[in-house]
Amino acid sequence: MLIHGFHAVTARLKRGGEGVRELYVAGGRDDARVRELVKLAKQAGVRAIFVDAGRIDKLCPGRRHQGVVLSAQTALAAVDLDELLAGERKPRLLLLDGVTDPRNLGACLRVADAAGVRAVIAPKDHACPLTEVAVQTASGAAETVPYLMVTNLVRAMDQLKDAGLWLVGTADDAETSLYSVEIPQPVAWVLGAEGKGLRRLTRERCDMLVRIPMGGSVASLNVSVAAGVVLFETVRQHMSRERSARGAAG
């Protein structure tokens, strides 16, 4: 697997050198950003190799590599479901049902990282694996947010509910608006692919379904955009409740 661009390469090196082969850097660069990256690679035990810029172009044809490419065996393995649920404080999660486009997956990981999501969960079938395209689109978030692929998504949802998480799904035909419901905590959001939406069994396992109000002519949002809308409304509500609780306690 090749990881390119400063954000993605830096994020991978910060997690250590395990599984990393070499760092390739365009030989004409000697700025502070490159020096810092080479220093980080050395700390991780990864050899930095300065090569002709043309070789970088051949490694990542047509991509915005910024002159840095990291060769790794695979993306780092995600934690398992039991590890996610260990501890008293339950995590905020994002479940993706039927998202098969690697760019959508990468964008969802990036949104999840920004919104404080502990992990993204998807079924092994009907889902995109963590490909080079997904890693690059995630712009470093693939290294900070575990992507856990489970054998049976419905069974995983049952396990989350048993652990005390609320499952909230999105559906265009839901009666309740996102902005008229109190989003529970801890919560796992469940989103389906654009157009198809959630599969029947996945939908039935949700504790509640909400719709994102649409004021224009389009019927639905891209899944990564929808993830951003619901996750940051969750952040807003939870932060507001925490402030109110602190004020009442004081």
Protein backbone atom coordinates (compact mmCIF):
# COMPACT_ATOMS: atom_id res chain seq x y z
CA MET A 1 0.00 0.00 0.00
CA LEU A 2 1.28 3.47 -0.92
CA ILE A 3 0.32 6.44 1.26
CA HIS A 4 1.04 9.86 -0.20
CA GLY A 5 0.74 13.49 0.81
CA PHE A 6 1.97 15.16 3.99
CA HIS A 7 -1.21 14.73 6.05
CA ALA A 8 -1.65 11.01 5.40
CA VAL A 9 2.07 10.17 5.65
CA THR A 10 2.54 12.16 8.87
CA ALA A 11 -0.48 10.54 10.49
CA ARG A 12 0.79 7.06 9.61
CA LEU A 13 4.30 7.72 10.93
CA LYS A 14 2.93 9.09 14.19
CA ARG A 15 1.45 5.67 14.84
CA GLY A 16 4.90 4.09 14.59
CA GLY A 17 6.95 2.22 12.04
CA GLU A 18 5.26 -1.17 12.25
CA GLY A 19 4.43 -2.43 8.78
CA VAL A 20 6.13 0.55 7.09
CA ARG A 21 8.82 -0.19 4.53
CA GLU A 22 10.29 3.11 3.30
CA LEU A 23 9.60 6.80 2.95
CA TYR A 24 10.30 8.29 -0.48
CA VAL A 25 10.94 12.03 -0.71
CA ALA A 26 11.45 14.10 -3.86
CA GLY A 27 15.13 14.99 -3.91
CA GLY A 28 14.64 18.67 -4.73
CA ARG A 29 12.86 19.41 -1.45
CA ASP A 30 14.72 20.58 1.64
CA ASP A 31 12.18 22.79 3.41
CA ALA A 32 11.16 22.73 7.07
CA ARG A 33 8.15 20.53 6.38
CA VAL A 34 10.27 17.85 4.73
CA ARG A 35 12.91 18.02 7.46
CA GLU A 36 10.25 17.53 10.11
CA LEU A 37 8.82 14.55 8.23
CA VAL A 38 12.24 12.93 7.84
CA LYS A 39 12.85 13.45 11.57
CA LEU A 40 9.52 11.79 12.36
CA ALA A 41 10.41 8.86 10.08
CA LYS A 42 13.76 8.42 11.85
CA GLN A 43 12.01 8.36 15.23
CA ALA A 44 9.71 5.64 13.90
CA GLY A 45 12.66 3.63 12.60
CA VAL A 46 11.75 4.22 8.96
CA ARG A 47 14.40 4.96 6.35
CA ALA A 48 13.86 8.10 4.27
CA ILE A 49 15.06 7.78 0.67
CA PHE A 50 15.49 10.88 -1.49
CA VAL A 51 14.69 10.06 -5.11
CA ASP A 52 14.14 11.87 -8.37
CA ALA A 53 10.76 13.62 -8.56
CA GLY A 54 9.97 11.55 -11.64
CA ARG A 55 10.07 8.37 -9.59
CA ILE A 56 7.52 9.83 -7.18
CA ASP A 57 5.29 10.65 -10.16
CA LYS A 58 5.58 7.06 -11.39
CA LEU A 59 4.68 5.68 -7.96
CA CYS A 60 1.57 7.87 -7.73
CA PRO A 61 0.60 8.84 -11.28
CA GLY A 62 -1.90 11.66 -11.51
CA ARG A 63 -2.11 12.16 -7.74
CA ARG A 64 -1.27 15.13 -5.54
CA HIS A 65 1.54 13.42 -3.65
CA GLN A 66 3.35 16.65 -2.60
CA GLY A 67 6.65 14.86 -3.17
CA VAL A 68 6.28 12.34 -0.32
CA VAL A 69 5.21 8.69 -0.55
CA LEU A 70 5.20 6.07 2.19
CA SER A 71 5.37 2.36 1.37
CA ALA A 72 3.51 0.25 3.94
CA GLN A 73 2.43 -3.39 4.02
CA THR A 74 -1.19 -2.55 4.91
CA ALA A 75 -3.18 -0.04 6.85
CA LEU A 76 -2.99 -0.65 10.58
CA ALA A 77 -5.49 -3.18 11.89
CA ALA A 78 -8.55 -1.83 13.67
CA VAL A 79 -9.52 -2.74 17.19
CA ASP A 80 -12.24 -5.33 17.68
CA LEU A 81 -15.76 -4.66 18.94
CA ASP A 82 -15.09 -5.94 22.45
CA GLU A 83 -12.15 -3.57 22.83
CA LEU A 84 -14.27 -0.67 21.58
CA LEU A 85 -16.88 -1.32 24.25
CA ALA A 86 -14.48 -1.88 27.14
CA GLY A 87 -14.55 0.75 29.87
CA GLU A 88 -17.28 2.71 31.56
CA ARG A 89 -17.47 5.57 29.05
CA LYS A 90 -19.07 4.24 25.88
CA PRO A 91 -17.83 5.65 22.57
CA ARG A 92 -19.57 7.64 19.86
CA LEU A 93 -19.65 5.45 16.74
CA LEU A 94 -20.57 5.59 13.06
CA LEU A 95 -22.00 2.54 11.26
CA LEU A 96 -22.05 2.43 7.46
CA ASP A 97 -24.43 0.05 5.70
CA GLY A 98 -23.77 -0.54 2.01
CA VAL A 99 -21.16 2.20 1.41
CA THR A 100 -18.97 0.78 -1.36
CA ASP A 101 -17.22 3.86 -2.79
CA PRO A 102 -13.69 4.29 -1.35
CA ARG A 103 -13.86 8.08 -1.63
CA ASN A 104 -17.08 8.14 0.36
CA LEU A 105 -15.49 5.89 2.97
CA GLY A 106 -12.42 8.12 3.20
CA ALA A 107 -14.57 11.23 3.55
CA CYS A 108 -16.66 9.54 6.27
CA LEU A 109 -13.50 8.67 8.19
CA ARG A 110 -12.36 12.28 7.96
CA VAL A 111 -15.72 13.57 9.24
CA ALA A 112 -15.73 10.94 11.98
CA ASP A 113 -12.31 12.04 13.20
CA ALA A 114 -13.39 15.68 13.34
CA ALA A 115 -16.57 14.82 15.27
CA GLY A 116 -14.84 12.70 17.91
CA VAL A 117 -16.10 9.34 16.66
CA ARG A 118 -14.18 6.45 18.21
CA ALA A 119 -14.55 4.05 15.24
CA VAL A 120 -16.37 3.45 11.98
CA ILE A 121 -18.02 0.04 11.59
CA ALA A 122 -19.17 -1.65 8.38
CA PRO A 123 -20.11 -5.18 7.24
CA LYS A 124 -17.52 -7.28 5.43
CA ASP A 125 -20.08 -7.74 2.65
CA HIS A 126 -21.74 -4.74 0.99
CA ALA A 127 -18.93 -2.40 2.04
CA CYS A 128 -15.68 -0.91 0.81
CA PRO A 129 -12.40 -2.15 2.31
CA LEU A 130 -9.75 0.32 3.42
CA THR A 131 -8.08 0.88 0.04
CA GLU A 132 -5.30 3.30 -0.92
CA VAL A 133 -7.93 5.65 -2.35
CA ALA A 134 -9.91 5.60 0.90
CA VAL A 135 -6.77 6.20 2.97
CA GLN A 136 -5.72 9.14 0.81
CA THR A 137 -9.21 10.69 0.82
CA ALA A 138 -9.28 10.39 4.60
CA SER A 139 -6.22 12.69 4.73
CA GLY A 140 -4.78 11.12 7.87
CA ALA A 141 -8.05 10.09 9.53
CA ALA A 142 -7.62 6.47 8.45
CA GLU A 143 -4.76 6.31 10.92
CA THR A 144 -6.68 7.88 13.82
CA VAL A 145 -10.17 6.37 13.45
CA PRO A 146 -10.26 2.56 13.41
CA TYR A 147 -12.29 1.04 10.57
CA LEU A 148 -13.80 -2.17 11.82
CA MET A 149 -15.39 -4.60 9.35
CA VAL A 150 -17.71 -7.11 11.02
CA THR A 151 -19.11 -10.37 9.72
CA ASN A 152 -22.70 -9.50 10.57
CA LEU A 153 -23.71 -5.85 11.00
CA VAL A 154 -27.07 -6.65 12.60
CA ARG A 155 -25.40 -8.86 15.20
CA ALA A 156 -22.89 -6.09 15.89
CA MET A 157 -25.78 -3.65 16.36
CA ASP A 158 -27.32 -6.00 18.91
CA GLN A 159 -24.01 -6.08 20.77
CA LEU A 160 -23.86 -2.30 20.80
CA LYS A 161 -27.40 -2.09 22.16
CA ASP A 162 -26.58 -4.63 24.87
CA ALA A 163 -23.62 -2.42 25.84
CA GLY A 164 -25.94 0.55 26.33
CA LEU A 165 -25.54 2.49 23.08
CA TRP A 166 -28.51 4.02 21.29
CA LEU A 167 -28.74 3.27 17.57
CA VAL A 168 -30.04 6.18 15.51
CA GLY A 169 -30.48 5.74 11.77
CA THR A 170 -31.20 8.15 8.94
CA ALA A 171 -34.03 7.61 6.47
CA ASP A 172 -35.57 9.99 3.95
CA ASP A 173 -39.08 8.83 4.92
CA ALA A 174 -38.65 9.11 8.69
CA GLU A 175 -41.34 11.20 10.39
CA THR A 176 -38.96 12.83 12.88
CA SER A 177 -36.58 15.61 11.87
CA LEU A 178 -32.98 15.53 13.06
CA TYR A 179 -33.51 18.98 14.56
CA SER A 180 -36.60 18.07 16.59
CA VAL A 181 -35.15 15.12 18.50
CA GLU A 182 -32.88 14.95 21.53
CA ILE A 183 -29.98 12.82 20.40
CA PRO A 184 -29.21 10.24 23.10
CA GLN A 185 -25.82 9.54 24.59
CA PRO A 186 -23.91 7.32 23.98
CA VAL A 187 -24.98 7.03 20.36
CA ALA A 188 -24.06 5.05 17.28
CA TRP A 189 -25.27 6.64 14.05
CA VAL A 190 -26.32 4.24 11.28
CA LEU A 191 -26.15 5.51 7.70
CA GLY A 192 -26.83 3.77 4.42
CA ALA A 193 -25.58 4.43 0.91
CA GLU A 194 -27.00 7.35 -1.04
CA GLY A 195 -30.15 6.29 -2.89
CA LYS A 196 -30.50 2.79 -1.41
CA GLY A 197 -30.48 3.84 2.22
CA LEU A 198 -30.49 1.34 5.05
CA ARG A 199 -31.26 -2.32 4.44
CA ARG A 200 -34.44 -3.62 6.08
CA LEU A 201 -32.87 -5.58 8.95
CA THR A 202 -30.41 -2.78 9.70
CA ARG A 203 -33.24 -0.27 9.74
CA GLU A 204 -35.35 -2.43 12.04
CA ARG A 205 -32.52 -2.66 14.60
CA CYS A 206 -32.35 1.12 15.03
CA ASP A 207 -33.90 2.59 18.19
CA MET A 208 -35.08 5.58 16.20
CA LEU A 209 -34.99 6.94 12.66
CA VAL A 210 -34.61 10.60 11.72
CA ARG A 211 -34.53 12.52 8.47
CA ILE A 212 -32.32 15.41 7.47
CA PRO A 213 -34.66 18.22 6.31
CA MET A 214 -34.10 18.99 2.63
CA GLY A 215 -35.08 22.46 1.42
CA GLY A 216 -34.06 22.18 -2.22
CA SER A 217 -34.74 19.98 -5.22
CA VAL A 218 -32.35 17.10 -4.44
CA ALA A 219 -33.82 14.13 -2.58
CA SER A 220 -30.79 13.04 -0.55
CA LEU A 221 -27.23 13.91 0.46
CA ASN A 222 -23.98 12.12 -0.19
CA VAL A 223 -23.32 9.79 2.75
CA SER A 224 -20.24 11.66 3.93
CA VAL A 225 -22.13 14.96 3.89
CA ALA A 226 -25.02 13.35 5.77
CA ALA A 227 -22.52 11.97 8.29
CA GLY A 228 -21.16 15.45 8.84
CA VAL A 229 -24.64 16.89 9.39
CA VAL A 230 -25.78 14.32 11.95
CA LEU A 231 -22.46 13.98 13.76
CA PHE A 232 -21.96 17.70 14.29
CA GLU A 233 -25.57 18.14 15.41
CA THR A 234 -24.75 15.39 17.91
CA VAL A 235 -21.63 17.27 19.03
CA ARG A 236 -23.63 20.50 19.37
CA GLN A 237 -26.37 18.90 21.45
CA HIS A 238 -24.05 16.93 23.70
CA MET A 239 -21.81 19.94 24.35
CA SER A 240 -24.87 22.07 25.14
CA ARG A 241 -26.15 19.52 27.65
CA GLU A 242 -22.72 19.22 29.27
CA ARG A 243 -22.53 23.02 29.67
CA SER A 244 -26.00 23.07 31.21
CA ALA A 245 -25.07 20.29 33.62
CA ARG A 246 -21.92 22.11 34.70
CA GLY A 247 -23.88 25.31 35.19
CA ALA A 248 -26.47 23.54 37.34
CA ALA A 249 -23.75 21.89 39.41
CA GLY A 250 -22.00 25.22 39.96
